[in-house]
């Protein structure tokens, strides 16, 4: 008896198993990029995913910080690593720097500006650090939203790269540090 011809579907799915579709959160439809979205809109979407959530890789920065108590924030469970608190003020510094660059300032952060020293370890200071992070994110999102797609090709003042490269860089920067925060949280348990 002759074997039936294999179809393309049968080759890709030899067990003929119907893939399970992941459940989408109720708010997922509002988070998905819109089909006719501009490049600036897509960049804003990726920044939002890196900071607020619905990122492809896993928890975003603010999701990771939701359950970080004040006593864990300055902890250094790994030798030569920054604390979660130091990473938060560092992300804030860079988001603010990108806003200043978008406003035309040729800016290079000093070591002190790049990694601001944390000296007050109280509960209120920790909440202020998170609020400053959120505020710098809001300011960055607003500054990006004022750009046209054509401006993404403009050079960054004082740099050899364009705005498009810089904006993707800050998103990558935030995600890199999100990973560090996740590792520090696990290392401190």
N, C-alpha and C. Protein backbone atom coordinates (compact mmCIF):
# COMPACT_ATOMS: atom_id res chain seq x y z
N UNK A 1 0.84 -1.17 0.00
CA UNK A 1 0.00 0.00 0.00
C UNK A 1 0.89 1.24 0.00
N UNK A 2 0.55 2.20 -0.82
CA UNK A 2 1.35 3.41 -0.97
C UNK A 2 1.11 4.35 0.21
N UNK A 3 2.21 5.00 0.64
CA UNK A 3 2.12 5.98 1.71
C UNK A 3 1.52 7.27 1.15
N UNK A 4 0.68 7.97 1.90
CA UNK A 4 0.15 9.24 1.43
C UNK A 4 1.29 10.26 1.32
N UNK A 5 1.17 11.15 0.39
CA UNK A 5 2.18 12.20 0.20
C UNK A 5 2.22 13.08 1.45
N UNK A 6 3.42 13.48 1.84
CA UNK A 6 3.57 14.35 3.00
C UNK A 6 3.32 15.79 2.55
N UNK A 7 2.53 16.45 3.30
CA UNK A 7 2.28 17.86 3.01
C UNK A 7 3.29 18.71 3.77
N UNK A 8 3.36 19.96 3.42
CA UNK A 8 4.28 20.87 4.12
C UNK A 8 3.94 20.92 5.61
N UNK A 9 2.63 20.90 5.92
CA UNK A 9 2.22 20.95 7.32
C UNK A 9 2.68 19.70 8.06
N UNK A 10 2.57 18.56 7.40
CA UNK A 10 2.98 17.31 8.05
C UNK A 10 4.47 17.28 8.30
N UNK A 11 5.26 17.88 7.43
CA UNK A 11 6.71 17.90 7.61
C UNK A 11 7.09 18.77 8.79
N UNK A 12 6.44 19.93 8.91
CA UNK A 12 6.76 20.83 10.03
C UNK A 12 6.20 20.33 11.34
N UNK A 13 5.14 19.57 11.28
CA UNK A 13 4.47 19.11 12.49
C UNK A 13 4.23 17.61 12.34
N UNK A 14 5.31 16.81 12.45
CA UNK A 14 5.19 15.39 12.14
C UNK A 14 4.21 14.63 13.02
N UNK A 15 3.93 15.10 14.20
CA UNK A 15 2.99 14.40 15.09
C UNK A 15 1.56 14.92 14.91
N UNK A 16 1.40 15.88 13.99
CA UNK A 16 0.10 16.46 13.72
C UNK A 16 -0.55 17.00 14.99
N UNK A 17 0.25 17.66 15.82
CA UNK A 17 -0.22 18.21 17.09
C UNK A 17 -0.60 19.67 16.85
N UNK A 18 -1.74 20.06 17.37
CA UNK A 18 -2.16 21.45 17.26
C UNK A 18 -1.43 22.25 18.33
N UNK A 19 -0.67 23.29 17.92
CA UNK A 19 0.05 24.07 18.92
C UNK A 19 -0.91 24.80 19.85
N UNK A 20 -0.54 24.89 21.11
CA UNK A 20 -1.34 25.60 22.10
C UNK A 20 -1.02 27.08 21.98
N UNK A 21 -2.04 27.88 21.87
CA UNK A 21 -1.86 29.33 21.79
C UNK A 21 -1.83 29.88 23.20
N UNK A 22 -0.80 30.67 23.53
CA UNK A 22 -0.74 31.24 24.88
C UNK A 22 -1.91 32.19 25.11
N UNK A 23 -2.39 32.21 26.35
CA UNK A 23 -3.46 33.13 26.69
C UNK A 23 -2.90 34.54 26.67
N UNK A 24 -3.67 35.46 26.10
CA UNK A 24 -3.26 36.85 26.09
C UNK A 24 -3.91 37.56 27.26
N UNK A 25 -3.14 38.40 27.95
CA UNK A 25 -3.75 39.17 29.03
C UNK A 25 -4.86 40.05 28.47
N UNK A 26 -5.82 40.40 29.29
CA UNK A 26 -6.95 41.20 28.84
C UNK A 26 -6.51 42.51 28.20
N UNK A 27 -5.41 43.07 28.69
CA UNK A 27 -4.94 44.36 28.18
C UNK A 27 -3.95 44.20 27.02
N UNK A 28 -3.65 42.99 26.59
CA UNK A 28 -2.62 42.77 25.57
C UNK A 28 -2.96 43.44 24.25
N UNK A 29 -4.22 43.48 23.89
CA UNK A 29 -4.57 44.09 22.61
C UNK A 29 -4.21 45.57 22.60
N UNK A 30 -4.27 46.24 23.73
CA UNK A 30 -3.90 47.65 23.77
C UNK A 30 -2.39 47.84 23.78
N UNK A 31 -1.65 46.77 24.12
CA UNK A 31 -0.20 46.88 24.19
C UNK A 31 0.48 46.54 22.87
N UNK A 32 -0.19 45.80 22.02
CA UNK A 32 0.42 45.37 20.77
C UNK A 32 0.63 46.57 19.86
N UNK A 33 1.76 46.58 19.12
CA UNK A 33 1.98 47.69 18.19
C UNK A 33 0.88 47.72 17.14
N UNK A 34 0.52 48.90 16.74
CA UNK A 34 -0.51 49.04 15.72
C UNK A 34 0.12 48.85 14.33
N UNK A 35 -0.62 48.24 13.40
CA UNK A 35 -0.05 47.92 12.09
C UNK A 35 0.53 49.12 11.35
N UNK A 36 -0.12 50.27 11.42
CA UNK A 36 0.34 51.42 10.67
C UNK A 36 1.20 52.36 11.52
N UNK A 37 1.77 51.84 12.58
CA UNK A 37 2.54 52.65 13.51
C UNK A 37 3.82 53.17 12.86
N UNK A 38 4.20 54.38 13.21
CA UNK A 38 5.43 54.97 12.71
C UNK A 38 6.64 54.31 13.38
N UNK A 39 7.81 54.55 12.84
CA UNK A 39 9.02 54.02 13.47
C UNK A 39 9.21 54.62 14.86
N UNK A 40 8.92 55.90 15.00
CA UNK A 40 9.00 56.53 16.32
C UNK A 40 8.05 55.83 17.29
N UNK A 41 6.85 55.51 16.85
CA UNK A 41 5.88 54.80 17.68
C UNK A 41 6.38 53.42 18.07
N UNK A 42 7.04 52.74 17.15
CA UNK A 42 7.59 51.42 17.46
C UNK A 42 8.72 51.51 18.48
N UNK A 43 9.53 52.54 18.37
CA UNK A 43 10.60 52.75 19.36
C UNK A 43 10.00 53.03 20.73
N UNK A 44 8.96 53.87 20.78
CA UNK A 44 8.29 54.15 22.06
C UNK A 44 7.71 52.87 22.64
N UNK A 45 7.16 52.02 21.78
CA UNK A 45 6.60 50.75 22.24
C UNK A 45 7.69 49.87 22.85
N UNK A 46 8.84 49.80 22.23
CA UNK A 46 9.93 48.98 22.76
C UNK A 46 10.47 49.55 24.07
N UNK A 47 10.56 50.86 24.17
CA UNK A 47 10.98 51.49 25.42
C UNK A 47 9.98 51.16 26.53
N UNK A 48 8.69 51.28 26.23
CA UNK A 48 7.66 50.98 27.22
C UNK A 48 7.76 49.53 27.67
N UNK A 49 7.99 48.62 26.74
CA UNK A 49 8.10 47.20 27.09
C UNK A 49 9.32 46.96 27.99
N UNK A 50 10.41 47.67 27.74
CA UNK A 50 11.63 47.50 28.55
C UNK A 50 11.44 48.04 29.97
N UNK A 51 10.67 49.11 30.11
CA UNK A 51 10.50 49.74 31.42
C UNK A 51 9.24 49.25 32.14
N UNK A 52 8.11 49.20 31.45
CA UNK A 52 6.84 48.89 32.10
C UNK A 52 6.47 47.41 32.06
N UNK A 53 6.65 46.77 30.93
CA UNK A 53 6.28 45.36 30.86
C UNK A 53 5.85 44.91 29.49
N UNK A 54 5.53 43.64 29.39
CA UNK A 54 5.17 42.95 28.15
C UNK A 54 6.38 42.83 27.23
N UNK A 55 7.57 42.79 27.82
CA UNK A 55 8.78 42.59 27.04
C UNK A 55 8.89 41.11 26.64
N UNK A 56 9.49 40.85 25.52
CA UNK A 56 9.64 39.49 25.00
C UNK A 56 10.51 38.65 25.92
N UNK A 57 11.54 39.25 26.48
CA UNK A 57 12.52 38.49 27.26
C UNK A 57 12.03 38.08 28.65
N UNK A 58 11.11 38.83 29.21
CA UNK A 58 10.67 38.56 30.58
C UNK A 58 10.34 39.85 31.29
N UNK A 59 10.52 39.90 32.62
CA UNK A 59 10.13 41.08 33.39
C UNK A 59 10.90 42.33 33.00
N UNK A 60 10.18 43.43 32.93
CA UNK A 60 10.77 44.73 32.63
C UNK A 60 11.28 45.36 33.93
N UNK A 61 11.95 46.49 33.79
CA UNK A 61 12.60 47.15 34.92
C UNK A 61 11.61 47.40 36.07
N UNK A 62 10.50 48.07 35.80
CA UNK A 62 9.57 48.40 36.88
C UNK A 62 8.89 47.16 37.44
N UNK A 63 8.68 46.15 36.63
CA UNK A 63 8.12 44.90 37.14
C UNK A 63 9.09 44.26 38.14
N UNK A 64 10.37 44.30 37.83
CA UNK A 64 11.38 43.73 38.72
C UNK A 64 11.49 44.51 40.03
N UNK A 65 11.26 45.80 39.96
CA UNK A 65 11.42 46.65 41.15
C UNK A 65 10.20 46.64 42.06
N UNK A 66 9.08 46.11 41.62
CA UNK A 66 7.85 46.14 42.41
C UNK A 66 8.00 45.54 43.80
N UNK A 67 8.76 44.51 43.93
CA UNK A 67 8.86 43.84 45.23
C UNK A 67 10.27 43.90 45.82
N UNK A 68 10.99 44.96 45.50
CA UNK A 68 12.32 45.13 46.08
C UNK A 68 12.19 46.01 47.32
N UNK A 69 12.37 45.42 48.50
CA UNK A 69 12.27 46.21 49.73
C UNK A 69 13.51 47.08 49.92
N UNK A 70 13.38 48.09 50.73
CA UNK A 70 14.45 49.05 50.95
C UNK A 70 15.73 48.38 51.45
N UNK A 71 15.63 47.29 52.21
CA UNK A 71 16.84 46.65 52.72
C UNK A 71 17.56 45.83 51.65
N UNK A 72 16.86 45.41 50.60
CA UNK A 72 17.48 44.66 49.51
C UNK A 72 18.09 45.60 48.47
N UNK A 73 17.51 46.77 48.28
CA UNK A 73 17.95 47.69 47.23
C UNK A 73 19.45 48.04 47.28
N UNK A 74 20.05 48.30 48.46
CA UNK A 74 21.47 48.64 48.49
C UNK A 74 22.40 47.43 48.66
N UNK A 75 21.82 46.24 48.77
CA UNK A 75 22.63 45.03 49.01
C UNK A 75 23.54 44.73 47.83
N UNK A 76 24.71 44.17 48.15
CA UNK A 76 25.67 43.77 47.12
C UNK A 76 26.04 42.30 47.33
N UNK A 77 25.14 41.39 46.92
CA UNK A 77 25.39 39.97 47.15
C UNK A 77 26.48 39.39 46.25
N UNK A 78 26.84 40.10 45.19
CA UNK A 78 27.88 39.63 44.28
C UNK A 78 29.06 40.59 44.33
N UNK A 79 30.26 40.05 44.51
CA UNK A 79 31.46 40.89 44.53
C UNK A 79 31.58 41.69 43.24
N UNK A 80 31.98 42.91 43.37
CA UNK A 80 32.26 43.80 42.24
C UNK A 80 31.02 44.16 41.43
N UNK A 81 29.84 43.87 41.91
CA UNK A 81 28.60 44.21 41.20
C UNK A 81 27.96 45.42 41.86
N UNK A 82 27.26 46.18 41.07
CA UNK A 82 26.49 47.31 41.61
C UNK A 82 25.25 46.77 42.32
N UNK A 83 24.70 47.56 43.21
CA UNK A 83 23.46 47.19 43.89
C UNK A 83 22.28 47.53 42.98
N UNK A 84 21.12 47.02 43.34
CA UNK A 84 19.91 47.36 42.60
C UNK A 84 19.68 48.86 42.65
N UNK A 85 19.90 49.45 43.80
CA UNK A 85 19.70 50.89 43.96
C UNK A 85 20.65 51.67 43.04
N UNK A 86 21.89 51.28 43.00
CA UNK A 86 22.86 51.95 42.11
C UNK A 86 22.45 51.81 40.65
N UNK A 87 21.93 50.65 40.29
CA UNK A 87 21.49 50.44 38.91
C UNK A 87 20.29 51.33 38.60
N UNK A 88 19.39 51.48 39.54
CA UNK A 88 18.22 52.34 39.33
C UNK A 88 18.64 53.78 39.06
N UNK A 89 19.56 54.32 39.87
CA UNK A 89 19.97 55.72 39.64
C UNK A 89 20.80 55.84 38.36
N UNK A 90 21.49 54.78 37.98
CA UNK A 90 22.26 54.77 36.73
C UNK A 90 21.32 54.79 35.52
N UNK A 91 20.29 53.96 35.54
CA UNK A 91 19.30 53.97 34.45
C UNK A 91 18.66 55.35 34.35
N UNK A 92 18.30 55.92 35.49
CA UNK A 92 17.70 57.25 35.53
C UNK A 92 18.63 58.28 34.91
N UNK A 93 19.91 58.21 35.27
CA UNK A 93 20.88 59.17 34.74
C UNK A 93 20.96 59.09 33.22
N UNK A 94 20.96 57.89 32.68
CA UNK A 94 21.08 57.74 31.24
C UNK A 94 19.81 58.10 30.49
N UNK A 95 18.66 57.80 31.06
CA UNK A 95 17.42 58.23 30.41
C UNK A 95 17.37 59.75 30.36
N UNK A 96 17.77 60.39 31.45
CA UNK A 96 17.79 61.86 31.50
C UNK A 96 18.82 62.42 30.51
N UNK A 97 19.95 61.75 30.39
CA UNK A 97 20.98 62.20 29.44
C UNK A 97 20.47 62.12 28.01
N UNK A 98 19.74 61.07 27.68
CA UNK A 98 19.20 60.94 26.32
C UNK A 98 18.20 62.05 26.04
N UNK A 99 17.39 62.41 27.03
CA UNK A 99 16.45 63.52 26.85
C UNK A 99 17.23 64.80 26.54
N UNK A 100 18.27 65.05 27.29
CA UNK A 100 19.09 66.26 27.07
C UNK A 100 19.71 66.23 25.68
N UNK A 101 20.17 65.08 25.24
CA UNK A 101 20.73 64.96 23.89
C UNK A 101 19.65 65.22 22.84
N UNK A 102 18.46 64.72 23.08
CA UNK A 102 17.36 64.96 22.13
C UNK A 102 16.99 66.44 22.05
N UNK A 103 17.29 67.17 23.12
CA UNK A 103 17.05 68.62 23.12
C UNK A 103 18.24 69.40 22.57
N UNK A 104 19.22 68.69 22.01
CA UNK A 104 20.32 69.35 21.32
C UNK A 104 21.61 69.50 22.10
N UNK A 105 21.68 69.01 23.31
CA UNK A 105 22.87 69.15 24.14
C UNK A 105 23.90 68.07 23.80
N UNK A 106 25.12 68.51 23.50
CA UNK A 106 26.24 67.57 23.32
C UNK A 106 26.71 67.19 24.72
N UNK A 107 26.43 65.97 25.14
CA UNK A 107 26.59 65.61 26.54
C UNK A 107 27.34 64.30 26.68
N UNK A 108 28.29 64.28 27.59
CA UNK A 108 28.96 63.05 28.01
C UNK A 108 28.93 63.05 29.53
N UNK A 109 28.38 62.00 30.11
CA UNK A 109 28.29 61.94 31.57
C UNK A 109 29.66 61.69 32.19
N UNK A 110 29.90 62.36 33.30
CA UNK A 110 31.10 62.09 34.10
C UNK A 110 30.88 60.78 34.84
N UNK A 111 31.91 60.25 35.46
CA UNK A 111 31.78 59.02 36.24
C UNK A 111 30.74 59.21 37.36
N UNK A 112 30.77 60.36 38.02
CA UNK A 112 29.82 60.64 39.10
C UNK A 112 28.39 60.74 38.58
N UNK A 113 28.21 61.30 37.38
CA UNK A 113 26.87 61.40 36.80
C UNK A 113 26.40 60.04 36.27
N UNK A 114 27.34 59.25 35.75
CA UNK A 114 27.04 57.94 35.20
C UNK A 114 26.57 56.97 36.28
N UNK A 115 27.28 56.94 37.38
CA UNK A 115 26.95 56.08 38.52
C UNK A 115 26.85 56.95 39.78
N UNK A 116 25.74 57.69 39.94
CA UNK A 116 25.61 58.56 41.12
C UNK A 116 25.71 57.76 42.42
N UNK A 117 26.38 58.36 43.38
CA UNK A 117 26.56 57.69 44.67
C UNK A 117 25.25 57.73 45.47
N UNK A 118 24.91 56.63 46.06
CA UNK A 118 23.74 56.55 46.92
C UNK A 118 24.23 56.73 48.35
N UNK A 119 23.69 57.74 49.04
CA UNK A 119 24.15 58.01 50.41
C UNK A 119 23.03 57.88 51.43
N UNK A 120 21.79 58.04 51.01
CA UNK A 120 20.65 57.92 51.92
C UNK A 120 19.97 56.59 51.60
N UNK A 121 19.91 55.69 52.56
CA UNK A 121 19.36 54.36 52.34
C UNK A 121 18.00 54.16 53.02
N UNK A 122 17.30 55.25 53.27
CA UNK A 122 15.99 55.16 53.91
C UNK A 122 14.87 54.81 52.93
N UNK A 123 13.74 54.43 53.49
CA UNK A 123 12.56 54.05 52.69
C UNK A 123 12.14 55.18 51.75
N UNK A 124 12.08 56.39 52.26
CA UNK A 124 11.65 57.54 51.42
C UNK A 124 12.65 57.76 50.28
N UNK A 125 13.93 57.64 50.55
CA UNK A 125 14.94 57.83 49.51
C UNK A 125 14.80 56.76 48.41
N UNK A 126 14.48 55.52 48.81
CA UNK A 126 14.28 54.44 47.83
C UNK A 126 13.06 54.74 46.96
N UNK A 127 11.97 55.20 47.58
CA UNK A 127 10.78 55.55 46.81
C UNK A 127 11.07 56.72 45.87
N UNK A 128 11.86 57.68 46.33
CA UNK A 128 12.24 58.81 45.47
C UNK A 128 13.08 58.35 44.28
N UNK A 129 13.95 57.36 44.51
CA UNK A 129 14.78 56.83 43.41
C UNK A 129 13.90 56.18 42.35
N UNK A 130 12.90 55.44 42.78
CA UNK A 130 11.99 54.80 41.82
C UNK A 130 11.14 55.85 41.11
N UNK A 131 10.68 56.85 41.85
CA UNK A 131 9.90 57.94 41.24
C UNK A 131 10.74 58.70 40.21
N UNK A 132 12.01 58.93 40.52
CA UNK A 132 12.90 59.61 39.57
C UNK A 132 13.10 58.76 38.31
N UNK A 133 13.20 57.46 38.48
CA UNK A 133 13.31 56.55 37.34
C UNK A 133 12.06 56.67 36.47
N UNK A 134 10.89 56.61 37.09
CA UNK A 134 9.64 56.73 36.34
C UNK A 134 9.53 58.08 35.64
N UNK A 135 9.93 59.14 36.33
CA UNK A 135 9.87 60.48 35.75
C UNK A 135 10.82 60.60 34.55
N UNK A 136 12.02 60.05 34.68
CA UNK A 136 12.97 60.13 33.55
C UNK A 136 12.45 59.32 32.37
N UNK A 137 11.79 58.21 32.65
CA UNK A 137 11.16 57.41 31.58
C UNK A 137 10.05 58.21 30.90
N UNK A 138 9.18 58.86 31.68
CA UNK A 138 8.10 59.66 31.11
C UNK A 138 8.65 60.79 30.24
N UNK A 139 9.70 61.45 30.73
CA UNK A 139 10.31 62.55 29.97
C UNK A 139 10.93 62.03 28.67
N UNK A 140 11.57 60.87 28.74
CA UNK A 140 12.17 60.29 27.54
C UNK A 140 11.08 59.91 26.54
N UNK A 141 10.03 59.27 27.01
CA UNK A 141 8.92 58.90 26.13
C UNK A 141 8.32 60.12 25.45
N UNK A 142 8.13 61.19 26.20
CA UNK A 142 7.57 62.42 25.64
C UNK A 142 8.51 63.04 24.61
N UNK A 143 9.81 63.04 24.91
CA UNK A 143 10.78 63.61 23.97
C UNK A 143 10.83 62.79 22.68
N UNK A 144 10.77 61.48 22.80
CA UNK A 144 10.76 60.63 21.61
C UNK A 144 9.49 60.88 20.80
N UNK A 145 8.37 61.03 21.49
CA UNK A 145 7.10 61.25 20.82
C UNK A 145 7.04 62.53 20.00
N UNK A 146 7.90 63.47 20.28
CA UNK A 146 7.95 64.73 19.51
C UNK A 146 8.78 64.61 18.24
N UNK A 147 9.46 63.47 18.06
CA UNK A 147 10.30 63.29 16.88
C UNK A 147 9.48 62.83 15.69
N UNK A 148 9.96 63.16 14.52
CA UNK A 148 9.40 62.58 13.30
C UNK A 148 10.29 61.42 12.91
N UNK A 149 9.77 60.53 12.09
CA UNK A 149 10.59 59.42 11.61
C UNK A 149 11.85 59.92 10.91
N UNK A 150 11.73 61.01 10.17
CA UNK A 150 12.89 61.55 9.44
C UNK A 150 13.99 62.00 10.40
N UNK A 151 13.63 62.51 11.57
CA UNK A 151 14.63 62.98 12.54
C UNK A 151 15.45 61.84 13.13
N UNK A 152 14.98 60.62 13.02
CA UNK A 152 15.74 59.49 13.54
C UNK A 152 17.09 59.35 12.86
N UNK A 153 17.21 59.89 11.66
CA UNK A 153 18.48 59.84 10.92
C UNK A 153 19.42 60.98 11.29
N UNK A 154 18.96 61.95 12.07
CA UNK A 154 19.81 63.08 12.46
C UNK A 154 20.92 62.61 13.39
N UNK A 155 22.06 63.27 13.29
CA UNK A 155 23.19 62.95 14.17
C UNK A 155 22.90 63.41 15.59
N UNK A 156 23.38 62.66 16.55
CA UNK A 156 23.28 63.04 17.95
C UNK A 156 24.37 64.09 18.20
N UNK A 157 24.03 65.21 18.84
CA UNK A 157 25.03 66.25 19.08
C UNK A 157 26.29 65.69 19.77
N UNK A 158 27.44 65.93 19.15
CA UNK A 158 28.71 65.50 19.72
C UNK A 158 29.04 64.03 19.52
N UNK A 159 28.22 63.28 18.78
CA UNK A 159 28.42 61.85 18.58
C UNK A 159 28.50 61.53 17.08
N UNK A 160 29.00 60.34 16.78
CA UNK A 160 29.10 59.91 15.39
C UNK A 160 27.95 59.01 14.97
N UNK A 161 26.96 58.86 15.84
CA UNK A 161 25.81 58.02 15.51
C UNK A 161 24.53 58.87 15.46
N UNK A 162 23.49 58.26 14.89
CA UNK A 162 22.23 58.99 14.75
C UNK A 162 21.28 58.72 15.92
N UNK A 163 20.18 59.43 15.92
CA UNK A 163 19.19 59.32 16.99
C UNK A 163 18.60 57.92 17.04
N UNK A 164 18.35 57.33 15.89
CA UNK A 164 17.80 55.97 15.84
C UNK A 164 18.69 55.00 16.62
N UNK A 165 19.99 55.04 16.38
CA UNK A 165 20.95 54.17 17.06
C UNK A 165 20.95 54.44 18.56
N UNK A 166 20.92 55.72 18.94
CA UNK A 166 20.94 56.09 20.35
C UNK A 166 19.69 55.58 21.07
N UNK A 167 18.53 55.72 20.45
CA UNK A 167 17.30 55.30 21.12
C UNK A 167 17.23 53.79 21.28
N UNK A 168 17.67 53.07 20.27
CA UNK A 168 17.73 51.61 20.44
C UNK A 168 18.77 51.25 21.51
N UNK A 169 19.82 52.04 21.58
CA UNK A 169 20.85 51.81 22.59
C UNK A 169 20.33 51.96 24.01
N UNK A 170 19.50 52.99 24.26
CA UNK A 170 18.98 53.17 25.63
C UNK A 170 18.01 52.05 25.98
N UNK A 171 17.28 51.56 25.01
CA UNK A 171 16.38 50.42 25.27
C UNK A 171 17.21 49.19 25.63
N UNK A 172 18.25 48.92 24.85
CA UNK A 172 19.14 47.78 25.13
C UNK A 172 19.81 47.96 26.50
N UNK A 173 20.22 49.16 26.81
CA UNK A 173 20.85 49.49 28.09
C UNK A 173 19.90 49.14 29.24
N UNK A 174 18.65 49.57 29.12
CA UNK A 174 17.67 49.31 30.17
C UNK A 174 17.42 47.81 30.35
N UNK A 175 17.36 47.08 29.24
CA UNK A 175 17.14 45.64 29.33
C UNK A 175 18.34 44.91 29.93
N UNK A 176 19.53 45.36 29.58
CA UNK A 176 20.75 44.79 30.16
C UNK A 176 20.69 44.91 31.69
N UNK A 177 20.35 46.10 32.15
CA UNK A 177 20.29 46.32 33.60
C UNK A 177 19.09 45.63 34.24
N UNK A 178 18.01 45.43 33.50
CA UNK A 178 16.89 44.64 34.02
C UNK A 178 17.39 43.23 34.35
N UNK A 179 18.20 42.67 33.47
CA UNK A 179 18.77 41.35 33.73
C UNK A 179 19.63 41.34 34.98
N UNK A 180 20.42 42.37 35.17
CA UNK A 180 21.24 42.46 36.38
C UNK A 180 20.37 42.53 37.63
N UNK A 181 19.31 43.32 37.57
CA UNK A 181 18.42 43.43 38.72
C UNK A 181 17.80 42.08 39.04
N UNK A 182 17.41 41.34 38.02
CA UNK A 182 16.81 40.01 38.23
C UNK A 182 17.82 39.08 38.92
N UNK A 183 19.08 39.10 38.47
CA UNK A 183 20.10 38.25 39.08
C UNK A 183 20.37 38.68 40.52
N UNK A 184 20.44 39.97 40.76
CA UNK A 184 20.69 40.46 42.13
C UNK A 184 19.54 40.08 43.07
N UNK A 185 18.32 40.15 42.58
CA UNK A 185 17.18 39.75 43.42
C UNK A 185 17.30 38.28 43.80
N UNK A 186 17.64 37.43 42.84
CA UNK A 186 17.78 36.00 43.11
C UNK A 186 18.98 35.71 44.01
N UNK A 187 20.05 36.46 43.84
CA UNK A 187 21.26 36.25 44.63
C UNK A 187 21.09 36.66 46.08
N UNK A 188 20.13 37.50 46.33
CA UNK A 188 19.94 38.03 47.69
C UNK A 188 18.97 37.21 48.52
N UNK A 189 18.38 36.20 47.93
CA UNK A 189 17.39 35.39 48.66
C UNK A 189 18.04 34.33 49.49
